């Protein structure tokens, strides 16, 4: 086994550990509902979850983001779905 093989195996293990830590941290974050005038410190959006709908209506979307300190947050907010209303 060469040093390069050991290094690559270690790097792969570290990447897997980082992904597992991120996933478990995401599960422990409480979803906070948005309210008008709320201070937002969004440095990076990690995920956007918008429920699918067959009609145009208001749905509750969730944004997962990192703040400027690297802490993960989830925020829910109302928005219009992008469904197609058949007019029935």
N, C-alpha and C. Protein backbone atom coordinates (compact mmCIF):
# COMPACT_ATOMS: atom_id res chain seq x y z
N UNK A 1 0.85 -1.17 0.00
CA UNK A 1 0.00 0.00 0.00
C UNK A 1 0.90 1.24 0.00
N UNK A 2 0.66 2.13 -0.93
CA UNK A 2 1.50 3.32 -1.04
C UNK A 2 0.93 4.45 -0.18
N UNK A 3 1.73 5.46 0.00
CA UNK A 3 1.29 6.63 0.77
C UNK A 3 0.12 7.30 0.07
N UNK A 4 0.16 7.33 -1.25
CA UNK A 4 -0.93 7.95 -2.02
C UNK A 4 -2.25 7.22 -1.76
N UNK A 5 -2.24 5.89 -1.73
CA UNK A 5 -3.44 5.10 -1.47
C UNK A 5 -3.98 5.39 -0.08
N UNK A 6 -3.08 5.46 0.90
CA UNK A 6 -3.49 5.75 2.28
C UNK A 6 -4.10 7.15 2.35
N UNK A 7 -3.46 8.11 1.69
CA UNK A 7 -3.97 9.48 1.69
C UNK A 7 -5.35 9.56 1.05
N UNK A 8 -5.53 8.93 -0.10
CA UNK A 8 -6.83 8.96 -0.78
C UNK A 8 -7.91 8.28 0.05
N UNK A 9 -7.58 7.18 0.70
CA UNK A 9 -8.55 6.49 1.55
C UNK A 9 -8.94 7.37 2.73
N UNK A 10 -7.98 8.05 3.31
CA UNK A 10 -8.27 8.96 4.42
C UNK A 10 -9.13 10.14 3.99
N UNK A 11 -8.85 10.68 2.82
CA UNK A 11 -9.64 11.80 2.31
C UNK A 11 -11.07 11.37 2.03
N UNK A 12 -11.24 10.17 1.47
CA UNK A 12 -12.58 9.66 1.20
C UNK A 12 -13.34 9.43 2.51
N UNK A 13 -12.68 8.90 3.51
CA UNK A 13 -13.32 8.67 4.81
C UNK A 13 -13.73 10.00 5.45
N UNK A 14 -12.87 11.01 5.35
CA UNK A 14 -13.19 12.32 5.90
C UNK A 14 -14.39 12.95 5.19
N UNK A 15 -14.46 12.78 3.89
CA UNK A 15 -15.60 13.32 3.12
C UNK A 15 -16.89 12.64 3.52
N UNK A 16 -16.85 11.32 3.69
CA UNK A 16 -18.05 10.59 4.13
C UNK A 16 -18.49 11.02 5.51
N UNK A 17 -17.53 11.21 6.41
CA UNK A 17 -17.85 11.65 7.77
C UNK A 17 -18.47 13.04 7.75
N UNK A 18 -17.94 13.93 6.91
CA UNK A 18 -18.49 15.28 6.81
C UNK A 18 -19.92 15.25 6.30
N UNK A 19 -20.21 14.40 5.31
CA UNK A 19 -21.58 14.28 4.78
C UNK A 19 -22.52 13.72 5.85
N UNK A 20 -22.08 12.74 6.60
CA UNK A 20 -22.91 12.15 7.65
C UNK A 20 -23.18 13.16 8.75
N UNK A 21 -22.17 13.94 9.12
CA UNK A 21 -22.35 14.97 10.15
C UNK A 21 -23.32 16.03 9.67
N UNK A 22 -23.22 16.45 8.42
CA UNK A 22 -24.12 17.45 7.86
C UNK A 22 -25.55 16.94 7.85
N UNK A 23 -25.76 15.69 7.47
CA UNK A 23 -27.10 15.12 7.43
C UNK A 23 -27.70 15.04 8.82
N UNK A 24 -26.92 14.64 9.82
CA UNK A 24 -27.47 14.55 11.17
C UNK A 24 -27.72 15.94 11.75
N UNK A 25 -26.89 16.92 11.41
CA UNK A 25 -27.11 18.28 11.88
C UNK A 25 -28.38 18.85 11.26
N UNK A 26 -28.66 18.51 10.00
CA UNK A 26 -29.85 18.98 9.31
C UNK A 26 -31.12 18.46 9.98
N UNK A 27 -31.07 17.23 10.50
CA UNK A 27 -32.24 16.63 11.14
C UNK A 27 -32.55 17.27 12.49
N UNK A 28 -31.56 17.88 13.14
CA UNK A 28 -31.75 18.45 14.47
C UNK A 28 -32.15 19.92 14.44
N UNK A 29 -32.27 20.51 13.27
CA UNK A 29 -32.61 21.93 13.15
C UNK A 29 -34.12 22.11 13.21
N UNK A 30 -34.57 23.02 14.06
CA UNK A 30 -36.00 23.32 14.21
C UNK A 30 -36.43 24.29 13.11
N UNK A 31 -37.57 24.01 12.49
CA UNK A 31 -38.10 24.88 11.44
C UNK A 31 -38.79 26.06 12.11
N UNK A 32 -38.32 27.26 11.80
CA UNK A 32 -38.88 28.48 12.36
C UNK A 32 -39.76 29.16 11.31
N UNK A 33 -41.02 29.46 11.64
CA UNK A 33 -41.88 30.13 10.66
C UNK A 33 -41.45 31.60 10.47
N UNK A 34 -41.45 32.04 9.22
CA UNK A 34 -41.09 33.42 8.90
C UNK A 34 -42.20 34.36 9.36
N UNK A 35 -41.78 35.53 9.85
CA UNK A 35 -42.75 36.59 10.14
C UNK A 35 -42.18 37.90 9.58
N UNK A 36 -43.07 38.80 9.21
CA UNK A 36 -42.68 40.06 8.59
C UNK A 36 -41.72 40.81 9.50
N UNK A 37 -40.64 41.31 8.95
CA UNK A 37 -39.66 42.08 9.69
C UNK A 37 -38.60 41.22 10.38
N UNK A 38 -38.67 39.93 10.20
CA UNK A 38 -37.72 39.01 10.82
C UNK A 38 -36.32 39.25 10.26
N UNK A 39 -35.32 39.32 11.14
CA UNK A 39 -33.92 39.50 10.69
C UNK A 39 -33.42 38.18 10.12
N UNK A 40 -32.92 38.23 8.91
CA UNK A 40 -32.38 37.03 8.26
C UNK A 40 -30.90 37.22 8.01
N UNK A 41 -30.12 36.24 8.40
CA UNK A 41 -28.67 36.22 8.17
C UNK A 41 -28.40 35.00 7.29
N UNK A 42 -28.61 35.16 6.00
CA UNK A 42 -28.45 34.04 5.06
C UNK A 42 -27.15 34.22 4.30
N UNK A 43 -26.19 33.34 4.58
CA UNK A 43 -24.92 33.37 3.86
C UNK A 43 -24.97 32.42 2.66
N UNK A 44 -25.66 31.27 2.84
CA UNK A 44 -25.73 30.28 1.76
C UNK A 44 -27.01 29.46 1.90
N UNK A 45 -27.77 29.36 0.82
CA UNK A 45 -28.95 28.51 0.81
C UNK A 45 -28.51 27.08 0.52
N UNK A 46 -28.89 26.15 1.41
CA UNK A 46 -28.50 24.75 1.28
C UNK A 46 -29.57 23.96 0.53
N UNK A 47 -30.84 24.25 0.83
CA UNK A 47 -31.93 23.50 0.21
C UNK A 47 -33.19 24.36 0.20
N UNK A 48 -34.01 24.14 -0.82
CA UNK A 48 -35.30 24.80 -0.93
C UNK A 48 -36.33 23.71 -1.18
N UNK A 49 -37.31 23.60 -0.31
CA UNK A 49 -38.34 22.57 -0.45
C UNK A 49 -39.69 23.25 -0.66
N UNK A 50 -40.23 23.10 -1.87
CA UNK A 50 -41.54 23.66 -2.21
C UNK A 50 -42.46 22.50 -2.58
N UNK A 51 -43.54 22.29 -1.83
CA UNK A 51 -44.45 21.19 -2.15
C UNK A 51 -45.04 21.34 -3.56
N UNK A 52 -45.19 20.22 -4.23
CA UNK A 52 -45.80 20.24 -5.56
C UNK A 52 -47.31 20.36 -5.41
N UNK A 53 -47.93 20.99 -6.38
CA UNK A 53 -49.37 21.16 -6.38
C UNK A 53 -49.86 21.17 -7.82
N UNK A 54 -51.05 20.61 -8.04
CA UNK A 54 -51.62 20.63 -9.38
C UNK A 54 -52.44 21.89 -9.61
N UNK A 55 -52.65 22.66 -8.55
CA UNK A 55 -53.38 23.92 -8.67
C UNK A 55 -52.52 25.06 -8.16
N UNK A 56 -52.87 26.26 -8.56
CA UNK A 56 -52.17 27.43 -8.06
C UNK A 56 -52.81 27.82 -6.74
N UNK A 57 -52.08 27.61 -5.67
CA UNK A 57 -52.58 27.92 -4.34
C UNK A 57 -51.39 28.23 -3.43
N UNK A 58 -51.66 28.72 -2.25
CA UNK A 58 -50.61 29.01 -1.28
C UNK A 58 -50.18 27.71 -0.60
N UNK A 59 -48.87 27.46 -0.57
CA UNK A 59 -48.31 26.29 0.09
C UNK A 59 -47.24 26.78 1.08
N UNK A 60 -46.81 25.90 1.96
CA UNK A 60 -45.75 26.24 2.90
C UNK A 60 -44.44 25.66 2.39
N UNK A 61 -43.52 26.55 2.04
CA UNK A 61 -42.20 26.15 1.57
C UNK A 61 -41.22 26.21 2.75
N UNK A 62 -40.11 25.50 2.62
CA UNK A 62 -39.07 25.50 3.65
C UNK A 62 -37.72 25.77 3.01
N UNK A 63 -36.99 26.71 3.59
CA UNK A 63 -35.64 27.02 3.13
C UNK A 63 -34.65 26.62 4.22
N UNK A 64 -33.65 25.85 3.85
CA UNK A 64 -32.56 25.48 4.76
C UNK A 64 -31.35 26.31 4.35
N UNK A 65 -30.74 26.99 5.32
CA UNK A 65 -29.62 27.88 4.97
C UNK A 65 -28.58 27.94 6.09
N UNK A 66 -27.40 28.41 5.71
CA UNK A 66 -26.32 28.65 6.66
C UNK A 66 -26.22 30.14 6.90
N UNK A 67 -26.03 30.54 8.16
CA UNK A 67 -25.84 31.96 8.45
C UNK A 67 -24.36 32.31 8.33
N UNK A 68 -24.01 33.57 8.62
CA UNK A 68 -22.63 34.02 8.45
C UNK A 68 -21.67 33.35 9.42
N UNK A 69 -22.19 32.70 10.46
CA UNK A 69 -21.35 31.98 11.43
C UNK A 69 -21.24 30.49 11.08
N UNK A 70 -21.92 30.05 10.02
CA UNK A 70 -21.88 28.66 9.60
C UNK A 70 -22.92 27.79 10.28
N UNK A 71 -23.83 28.39 11.05
CA UNK A 71 -24.89 27.64 11.72
C UNK A 71 -26.04 27.39 10.75
N UNK A 72 -26.61 26.18 10.79
CA UNK A 72 -27.71 25.83 9.90
C UNK A 72 -29.05 26.24 10.51
N UNK A 73 -29.93 26.74 9.66
CA UNK A 73 -31.28 27.15 10.06
C UNK A 73 -32.28 26.65 9.03
N UNK A 74 -33.53 26.49 9.47
CA UNK A 74 -34.63 26.18 8.56
C UNK A 74 -35.73 27.19 8.81
N UNK A 75 -36.30 27.70 7.74
CA UNK A 75 -37.37 28.68 7.86
C UNK A 75 -38.51 28.28 6.92
N UNK A 76 -39.72 28.28 7.45
CA UNK A 76 -40.89 28.01 6.61
C UNK A 76 -41.57 29.33 6.29
N UNK A 77 -42.21 29.38 5.13
CA UNK A 77 -42.89 30.60 4.71
C UNK A 77 -43.95 30.25 3.67
N UNK A 78 -45.02 31.04 3.60
CA UNK A 78 -46.05 30.80 2.59
C UNK A 78 -45.60 31.35 1.23
N UNK A 79 -45.96 30.62 0.18
CA UNK A 79 -45.69 31.09 -1.18
C UNK A 79 -46.68 30.43 -2.13
N UNK A 80 -46.79 30.97 -3.30
CA UNK A 80 -47.69 30.41 -4.30
C UNK A 80 -47.05 29.18 -4.93
N UNK A 81 -47.83 28.12 -5.05
CA UNK A 81 -47.36 26.92 -5.73
C UNK A 81 -47.28 27.20 -7.22
N UNK A 82 -46.47 26.45 -7.90
CA UNK A 82 -46.32 26.65 -9.33
C UNK A 82 -47.13 25.65 -10.13
N UNK A 83 -48.25 25.22 -9.58
CA UNK A 83 -49.12 24.26 -10.26
C UNK A 83 -49.89 24.92 -11.39
N UNK A 84 -50.50 24.07 -12.20
CA UNK A 84 -51.31 24.55 -13.32
C UNK A 84 -52.77 24.32 -12.95
N UNK A 85 -53.51 25.40 -12.88
CA UNK A 85 -54.93 25.32 -12.55
C UNK A 85 -55.71 24.97 -13.82
N UNK A 86 -56.49 23.89 -13.78
CA UNK A 86 -57.23 23.45 -14.96
C UNK A 86 -58.49 24.29 -15.20
N UNK A 87 -58.84 25.11 -14.22
CA UNK A 87 -60.02 25.96 -14.39
C UNK A 87 -61.31 25.28 -14.05
N UNK A 88 -61.28 24.07 -13.48
CA UNK A 88 -62.51 23.34 -13.11
C UNK A 88 -63.11 23.90 -11.85
